[in-house]
Amino acid sequence: MKKKILLLGFSTAFISPLASADNQFQIFTHFDAEIYTEAQPVQAFVDDFDAPLKSGDSAFTYNIFEVGVGYGNFKVGLQSRYDYVLNFDPDTAKYTHTEKNDLEFEDRFYTYYLDAKQATSNGVFVSYDFKFLDKNALTITPKLSVFASSHYQDATVNGEIFSDEVEGAVTVDYNFSKDILFKEFTPSQKPEGLGYSLDIFADWQVNDELKVGFSVKDLLYKTQYEDSGSVKGQTTEIPFSEDDNGDIITQPTVSLKTSAFGNTVSHDFEMEMRLQAFADYRINDRFSTQLTLKRYDKDTFSQLKGRIHFWDHWRVQAGYETKSEAFLVGIENEYFGLNLQTDSLDLDKAYYANVNWYMNIKF
């Protein structure tokens, strides 16, 4: 797999920047950090799960920092990413909230379902802007990233637990660099992972007023880890049985295959793609507006923002996004941009936060 990834990266790098009529050289950097949680505000979700419980079944954070150079339509640079995605059953959130806050359990089985993915990676990327139509109105940009990773979590836990008793049945499929669930099976050496991702960006200047576009991030994403930790199997609680003396007892059955004693495994790690589409309308020289839709796994967000244009291509903007219920403020031009978005300025109450900035120096 490593040979295929490196060959793909080298092949893409041979795309000649001389194919572009615009040989402008640029240095750029970009940072984007986005976090969203349900059931609890971000701070409580990360720490003690001690805020009032709300309905919800997902959480995520996507963070990326890039620095690179461009020549014509061609860009190449360095990239660092941290991604975390969690899907859970609302009943699991209720069970966790009850347990962590020493509340009274209901006398019933709780559904316990978690599907979590987390990875930290560092690597390189390359992209090329393909221009089409009259006046290069249509731009399609594939972006290939190749990266190394030694820190990840990939876990699915599914089953049910009765009240606060050790009773129920749970199935576990867990691969990791560090064992944070059982805290027993962390490999003696960090696993080595090599991976790749492919993004596609497109925008079309329909006319002088209207521009539309879309992006597919992680259209392809795969990392192969060697010498990875692993726990697979199930635990089953048999509620009642009888011993030789006629006494009623309970006895759990545990069947787990682990990476203990050097039994590490290879693991293929994948991430779900993220979709985004927008329509940008220039009302006049002073004002414009944009509608954006984005789909992350099961969550769909829609955002409407307005802009005021001034000076030489500067613009200030403000907007509102549904589902996250977050407000956006920002300032941008061709060379610099800063945008902040959140549903609450009080971090203890915020369920969503996004910081995005970029710098672009052209020569």
Protein backbone atom coordinates (compact mmCIF):
# COMPACT_ATOMS: atom_id res chain seq x y z
CA MET A 1 0.00 0.00 0.00
CA LYS A 2 2.85 2.41 0.83
CA LYS A 3 4.34 2.03 -2.66
CA LYS A 4 0.97 2.77 -4.27
CA ILE A 5 0.45 5.90 -2.17
CA LEU A 6 3.94 7.27 -2.89
CA LEU A 7 3.59 6.50 -6.61
CA LEU A 8 0.25 8.34 -6.68
CA GLY A 9 1.78 11.33 -4.91
CA PHE A 10 4.81 11.50 -7.23
CA SER A 11 2.62 11.13 -10.33
CA THR A 12 0.44 14.03 -9.27
CA ALA A 13 3.49 16.17 -8.54
CA PHE A 14 4.61 15.90 -12.17
CA ILE A 15 1.63 17.99 -13.32
CA SER A 16 3.39 20.94 -14.93
CA PRO A 17 2.60 24.40 -13.57
CA LEU A 18 3.72 25.78 -16.94
CA ALA A 19 0.32 24.75 -18.29
CA SER A 20 -1.10 27.84 -16.60
CA ALA A 21 -1.11 31.14 -18.38
CA ASP A 22 -0.90 32.86 -15.00
CA ASN A 23 2.58 32.27 -13.58
CA GLN A 24 2.01 34.25 -10.40
CA PHE A 25 3.96 32.97 -7.39
CA GLN A 26 2.35 32.97 -3.95
CA ILE A 27 2.96 31.92 -0.36
CA PHE A 28 -0.11 31.02 1.68
CA THR A 29 -1.24 29.62 5.00
CA HIS A 30 -4.64 28.48 6.23
CA PHE A 31 -6.10 27.37 9.55
CA ASP A 32 -9.59 26.05 10.26
CA ALA A 33 -10.85 24.63 13.56
CA GLU A 34 -14.49 23.55 13.89
CA ILE A 35 -16.14 21.77 16.81
CA TYR A 36 -19.77 20.76 17.39
CA THR A 37 -21.35 18.72 20.18
CA GLU A 38 -24.85 17.58 21.02
CA ALA A 39 -26.28 16.47 24.39
CA GLN A 40 -23.74 18.68 26.23
CA PRO A 41 -21.90 21.97 25.61
CA VAL A 42 -18.37 21.56 24.28
CA GLN A 43 -16.63 22.18 27.61
CA ALA A 44 -18.86 19.77 29.55
CA PHE A 45 -18.70 17.19 26.75
CA VAL A 46 -14.90 17.13 26.94
CA ASP A 47 -14.68 17.27 30.74
CA ASP A 48 -17.31 15.99 33.18
CA PHE A 49 -20.58 15.69 31.22
CA ASP A 50 -22.15 17.65 34.06
CA ALA A 51 -24.30 20.25 32.22
CA PRO A 52 -28.07 19.78 31.89
CA LEU A 53 -28.70 16.97 29.40
CA LYS A 54 -30.12 17.81 25.96
CA SER A 55 -31.22 15.57 23.11
CA GLY A 56 -28.47 14.62 20.67
CA ASP A 57 -26.54 11.80 19.04
CA SER A 58 -23.36 13.22 17.49
CA ALA A 59 -20.21 15.29 18.02
CA PHE A 60 -17.25 16.18 15.84
CA THR A 61 -14.19 18.38 15.49
CA TYR A 62 -12.22 18.97 12.30
CA ASN A 63 -8.95 20.90 12.52
CA ILE A 64 -6.44 21.62 9.76
CA PHE A 65 -3.37 23.83 9.37
CA GLU A 66 -1.62 24.27 6.03
CA VAL A 67 1.29 26.30 4.71
CA GLY A 68 2.48 26.18 1.14
CA VAL A 69 3.48 27.83 -2.10
CA GLY A 70 1.68 28.25 -5.39
CA TYR A 71 2.77 28.88 -8.96
CA GLY A 72 0.07 29.49 -11.52
CA ASN A 73 -2.64 26.90 -10.98
CA PHE A 74 -0.38 24.59 -9.01
CA LYS A 75 -0.09 24.47 -5.18
CA VAL A 76 1.96 22.30 -2.84
CA GLY A 77 2.53 22.48 0.88
CA LEU A 78 2.63 20.97 4.36
CA GLN A 79 -0.46 19.89 6.27
CA SER A 80 -1.36 18.98 9.86
CA ARG A 81 -4.79 17.56 10.78
CA TYR A 82 -6.72 16.50 13.87
CA ASP A 83 -10.14 14.93 13.28
CA TYR A 84 -12.64 13.42 15.71
CA VAL A 85 -16.13 12.08 14.94
CA LEU A 86 -18.52 10.46 17.43
CA ASN A 87 -22.00 9.01 16.90
CA PHE A 88 -23.91 7.76 19.93
CA ASP A 89 -27.39 6.73 21.00
CA PRO A 90 -29.26 9.35 23.07
CA ASP A 91 -29.85 6.63 25.66
CA THR A 92 -26.07 6.24 25.97
CA ALA A 93 -25.76 9.97 26.67
CA LYS A 94 -28.43 9.63 29.35
CA TYR A 95 -26.63 6.65 30.92
CA THR A 96 -23.29 8.53 30.92
CA HIS A 97 -24.86 11.68 32.36
CA THR A 98 -26.56 9.67 35.12
CA GLU A 99 -23.38 7.80 36.00
CA LYS A 100 -21.02 10.79 36.02
CA ASN A 101 -23.34 12.94 38.12
CA ASP A 102 -24.31 10.23 40.65
CA LEU A 103 -27.97 10.42 39.70
CA GLU A 104 -30.53 7.66 40.20
CA PHE A 105 -30.66 5.07 37.42
CA GLU A 106 -33.95 3.88 35.99
CA ASP A 107 -34.77 0.22 36.54
CA ARG A 108 -34.34 -0.80 32.88
CA PHE A 109 -31.88 -1.68 30.14
CA TYR A 110 -30.04 1.29 28.60
CA THR A 111 -28.94 1.15 24.97
CA TYR A 112 -25.17 1.56 24.84
CA TYR A 113 -23.89 2.52 21.39
CA LEU A 114 -20.76 4.45 20.46
CA ASP A 115 -19.10 4.81 17.05
CA ALA A 116 -15.94 6.91 17.37
CA LYS A 117 -13.11 7.83 15.01
CA GLN A 118 -10.14 10.05 15.81
CA ALA A 119 -6.84 10.61 14.01
CA THR A 120 -3.87 12.99 14.08
CA SER A 121 -1.79 13.22 10.92
CA ASN A 122 1.03 15.25 9.34
CA GLY A 123 1.95 15.25 5.67
CA VAL A 124 2.06 17.04 2.33
CA PHE A 125 -0.56 18.05 -0.22
CA VAL A 126 -0.69 19.03 -3.86
CA SER A 127 -3.52 20.60 -5.87
CA TYR A 128 -4.15 21.94 -9.37
CA ASP A 129 -6.84 24.30 -10.69
CA PHE A 130 -8.30 23.03 -13.97
CA LYS A 131 -9.99 25.87 -15.89
CA PHE A 132 -12.89 25.39 -18.29
CA LEU A 133 -15.45 27.39 -20.29
CA ASP A 134 -15.24 30.93 -21.61
CA LYS A 135 -13.17 33.28 -19.43
CA ASN A 136 -12.22 30.28 -17.26
CA ALA A 137 -15.63 30.50 -15.61
CA LEU A 138 -15.51 26.92 -14.29
CA THR A 139 -12.72 25.78 -11.98
CA ILE A 140 -12.32 22.20 -10.75
CA THR A 141 -9.56 21.54 -8.22
CA PRO A 142 -8.54 18.05 -7.08
CA LYS A 143 -6.35 18.00 -3.97
CA LEU A 144 -4.29 15.01 -2.92
CA SER A 145 -2.81 14.70 0.57
CA VAL A 146 -0.33 12.04 1.67
CA PHE A 147 0.40 11.81 5.39
CA ALA A 148 1.86 9.82 8.26
CA SER A 149 0.03 9.10 11.51
CA SER A 150 0.85 7.33 14.76
CA HIS A 151 -2.13 8.38 16.89
CA TYR A 152 -5.71 7.22 16.25
CA GLN A 153 -8.85 5.65 17.73
CA ASP A 154 -11.41 3.57 15.82
CA ALA A 155 -14.09 2.11 18.07
CA THR A 156 -17.59 0.65 17.87
CA VAL A 157 -19.34 -0.38 21.09
CA ASN A 158 -22.87 -1.74 20.81
CA GLY A 159 -25.14 -3.39 23.36
CA GLU A 160 -27.23 -2.74 26.46
CA ILE A 161 -26.62 -2.31 30.18
CA PHE A 162 -29.18 -2.82 32.95
CA SER A 163 -29.47 0.14 35.34
CA ASP A 164 -26.26 0.49 37.39
CA GLU A 165 -25.78 -3.28 37.60
CA VAL A 166 -23.09 -5.31 35.83
CA GLU A 167 -25.74 -6.88 33.66
CA GLY A 168 -26.24 -6.77 29.91
CA ALA A 169 -24.45 -7.62 26.69
CA VAL A 170 -21.92 -5.46 24.85
CA THR A 171 -20.03 -6.08 21.59
CA VAL A 172 -16.68 -4.31 21.09
CA ASP A 173 -14.66 -3.65 17.92
CA TYR A 174 -11.82 -1.36 18.96
CA ASN A 175 -8.52 -0.49 17.25
CA PHE A 176 -6.15 2.12 18.63
CA SER A 177 -2.71 3.56 19.19
CA LYS A 178 -3.49 4.10 22.90
CA ASP A 179 -6.07 2.10 24.85
CA ILE A 180 -8.33 4.67 26.52
CA LEU A 181 -11.30 2.30 27.03
CA PHE A 182 -9.82 -0.68 28.85
CA LYS A 183 -6.46 0.97 29.71
CA GLU A 184 -4.76 -2.42 29.49
CA PHE A 185 -3.70 -3.11 25.91
CA THR A 186 -1.72 -0.10 24.66
CA PRO A 187 1.07 -1.34 22.33
CA SER A 188 4.64 -0.98 23.63
CA GLN A 189 5.47 1.04 20.51
CA LYS A 190 3.23 3.46 18.64
CA PRO A 191 1.76 2.04 15.44
CA GLU A 192 3.00 3.44 12.14
CA GLY A 193 0.38 4.64 9.69
CA LEU A 194 0.63 5.92 6.12
CA GLY A 195 -2.45 7.30 4.44
CA TYR A 196 -3.95 9.50 1.78
CA SER A 197 -7.02 11.66 1.21
CA LEU A 198 -8.58 13.19 -1.91
CA ASP A 199 -10.69 16.37 -1.93
CA ILE A 200 -12.56 17.90 -4.86
CA PHE A 201 -13.46 21.59 -5.13
CA ALA A 202 -15.45 23.26 -7.92
CA ASP A 203 -16.90 26.71 -8.55
CA TRP A 204 -18.70 28.22 -11.54
CA GLN A 205 -19.07 31.93 -12.25
CA VAL A 206 -22.48 31.69 -13.90
CA ASN A 207 -22.64 35.43 -14.68
CA ASP A 208 -21.45 38.71 -13.22
CA GLU A 209 -23.80 38.38 -10.24
CA LEU A 210 -24.06 34.65 -9.51
CA LYS A 211 -21.40 32.13 -8.50
CA VAL A 212 -22.09 28.56 -7.36
CA GLY A 213 -19.83 25.81 -6.13
CA PHE A 214 -19.37 22.65 -4.11
CA SER A 215 -16.68 20.69 -2.31
CA VAL A 216 -16.23 17.07 -1.30
CA LYS A 217 -13.67 16.67 1.46
CA ASP A 218 -12.25 13.20 2.13
CA LEU A 219 -13.89 11.79 -0.98
CA LEU A 220 -11.26 9.13 -0.52
CA TYR A 221 -9.59 8.69 2.85
CA LYS A 222 -7.62 5.71 4.07
CA THR A 223 -4.76 5.08 6.49
CA GLN A 224 -3.13 1.72 7.01
CA TYR A 225 -1.70 1.23 10.51
CA GLU A 226 0.85 -1.44 11.34
CA ASP A 227 1.42 -2.85 14.85
CA SER A 228 -1.88 -1.46 16.11
CA GLY A 229 -3.60 -2.23 19.39
CA SER A 230 -6.90 -4.08 19.20
CA VAL A 231 -9.79 -5.41 21.29
CA LYS A 232 -12.59 -7.41 19.66
CA GLY A 233 -15.32 -9.56 21.15
CA GLN A 234 -18.23 -9.38 23.54
CA THR A 235 -19.21 -9.43 27.18
CA THR A 236 -22.46 -11.11 28.22
CA GLU A 237 -24.05 -11.09 31.65
CA ILE A 238 -26.18 -14.11 32.48
CA PRO A 239 -28.59 -12.55 35.00
CA PHE A 240 -29.45 -15.63 37.05
CA SER A 241 -27.96 -19.10 37.53
CA GLU A 242 -27.84 -21.66 40.34
CA ASP A 243 -24.71 -23.08 42.02
CA ASP A 244 -24.29 -26.54 43.64
CA ASN A 245 -25.74 -25.28 46.91
CA GLY A 246 -28.86 -23.99 45.24
CA ASP A 247 -27.84 -20.36 45.62
CA ILE A 248 -28.78 -17.88 42.88
CA ILE A 249 -25.74 -16.13 41.38
CA THR A 250 -24.85 -14.01 38.37
CA GLN A 251 -21.84 -14.71 36.21
CA PRO A 252 -20.53 -12.63 33.31
CA THR A 253 -19.15 -14.24 30.18
CA VAL A 254 -16.26 -12.39 28.56
CA SER A 255 -14.90 -13.29 25.13
CA LEU A 256 -12.30 -10.79 23.95
CA LYS A 257 -9.42 -11.08 21.51
CA THR A 258 -6.80 -8.45 22.35
CA SER A 259 -3.37 -7.22 21.27
CA ALA A 260 -1.82 -8.16 24.61
CA PHE A 261 1.60 -9.91 24.67
CA GLY A 262 2.66 -8.41 21.34
CA ASN A 263 -0.34 -9.61 19.33
CA THR A 264 -0.67 -6.32 17.44
CA VAL A 265 -2.60 -6.13 14.17
CA SER A 266 -2.80 -4.18 10.92
CA HIS A 267 -5.82 -1.92 10.60
CA ASP A 268 -7.33 0.11 7.75
CA PHE A 269 -8.79 3.38 9.01
CA GLU A 270 -11.32 5.37 6.97
CA MET A 271 -13.24 8.63 7.45
CA GLU A 272 -16.63 9.71 6.09
CA MET A 273 -16.71 12.31 3.33
CA ARG A 274 -17.99 15.84 4.02
CA LEU A 275 -20.13 17.71 1.47
CA GLN A 276 -20.64 21.44 1.03
CA ALA A 277 -22.40 23.56 -1.61
CA PHE A 278 -22.88 27.32 -1.93
CA ALA A 279 -24.57 29.99 -4.04
CA ASP A 280 -23.06 33.50 -3.95
CA TYR A 281 -25.03 36.46 -5.29
CA ARG A 282 -23.60 39.95 -5.83
CA ILE A 283 -26.49 42.37 -5.28
CA ASN A 284 -24.52 45.47 -6.27
CA ASP A 285 -21.08 47.00 -5.75
CA ARG A 286 -21.74 47.41 -2.04
CA PHE A 287 -23.65 44.28 -0.99
CA SER A 288 -23.62 40.52 -1.60
CA THR A 289 -25.10 37.44 0.04
CA GLN A 290 -24.30 33.72 0.19
CA LEU A 291 -26.26 30.58 1.03
CA THR A 292 -24.22 27.55 2.13
CA LEU A 293 -25.32 23.97 2.82
CA LYS A 294 -23.02 21.40 4.38
CA ARG A 295 -23.48 17.75 5.24
CA TYR A 296 -21.25 16.03 7.81
CA ASP A 297 -22.23 12.38 8.17
CA LYS A 298 -25.82 12.57 9.51
CA ASP A 299 -25.83 16.30 10.30
CA THR A 300 -26.97 18.98 7.82
CA PHE A 301 -26.26 22.68 8.38
CA SER A 302 -27.50 25.66 6.35
CA GLN A 303 -26.02 29.13 6.60
CA LEU A 304 -27.09 32.50 5.21
CA LYS A 305 -24.71 35.44 5.38
CA GLY A 306 -24.57 38.98 4.07
CA ARG A 307 -21.54 41.10 3.15
CA ILE A 308 -20.66 44.76 2.86
CA HIS A 309 -17.89 45.52 0.36
CA PHE A 310 -15.58 48.53 0.76
CA TRP A 311 -12.16 49.91 -0.17
CA ASP A 312 -10.13 47.70 -2.50
CA HIS A 313 -11.86 44.28 -2.39
CA TRP A 314 -12.38 44.28 1.39
CA ARG A 315 -15.61 42.88 2.83
CA VAL A 316 -17.12 42.43 6.28
CA GLN A 317 -19.71 39.72 6.74
CA ALA A 318 -22.21 38.37 9.23
CA GLY A 319 -24.46 35.33 9.12
CA TYR A 320 -26.50 32.69 10.91
CA GLU A 321 -26.40 28.89 10.66
CA THR A 322 -29.26 26.53 11.42
CA LYS A 323 -28.83 23.37 13.54
CA SER A 324 -25.72 24.79 15.23
CA GLU A 325 -27.69 28.02 15.89
CA ALA A 326 -24.37 29.85 15.48
CA PHE A 327 -23.72 33.45 14.45
CA LEU A 328 -20.83 34.36 12.13
CA VAL A 329 -18.74 37.55 11.92
CA GLY A 330 -15.71 38.04 9.71
CA ILE A 331 -13.55 40.23 7.53
CA GLU A 332 -11.85 39.16 4.28
CA ASN A 333 -10.04 40.23 1.16
CA GLU A 334 -7.83 38.51 -1.39
CA TYR A 335 -4.85 38.36 0.94
CA PHE A 336 -6.23 37.96 4.45
CA GLY A 337 -9.35 36.64 6.14
CA LEU A 338 -10.60 36.00 9.68
CA ASN A 339 -13.98 34.48 10.55
CA LEU A 340 -15.41 33.56 13.96
CA GLN A 341 -18.61 31.59 14.48
CA THR A 342 -20.30 30.32 17.65
CA ASP A 343 -23.69 29.91 19.27
CA SER A 344 -22.50 31.47 22.55
CA LEU A 345 -19.68 33.77 23.64
CA ASP A 346 -19.74 31.94 26.98
CA LEU A 347 -17.55 28.90 26.26
CA ASP A 348 -19.21 26.96 29.07
CA LYS A 349 -22.51 27.19 27.16
CA ALA A 350 -21.31 26.87 23.53
CA TYR A 351 -22.24 23.81 21.50
CA TYR A 352 -20.50 25.04 18.34
CA ALA A 353 -17.38 27.04 17.57
CA ASN A 354 -15.41 27.70 14.39
CA VAL A 355 -12.26 29.75 13.85
CA ASN A 356 -11.02 30.23 10.29
CA TRP A 357 -8.19 32.43 9.02
CA TYR A 358 -5.94 32.61 6.00
CA MET A 359 -3.06 34.67 4.59
CA ASN A 360 -1.97 34.84 0.97
CA ILE A 361 1.09 36.75 -0.25
CA LYS A 362 1.47 37.09 -4.03
CA PHE A 363 4.54 38.13 -5.97
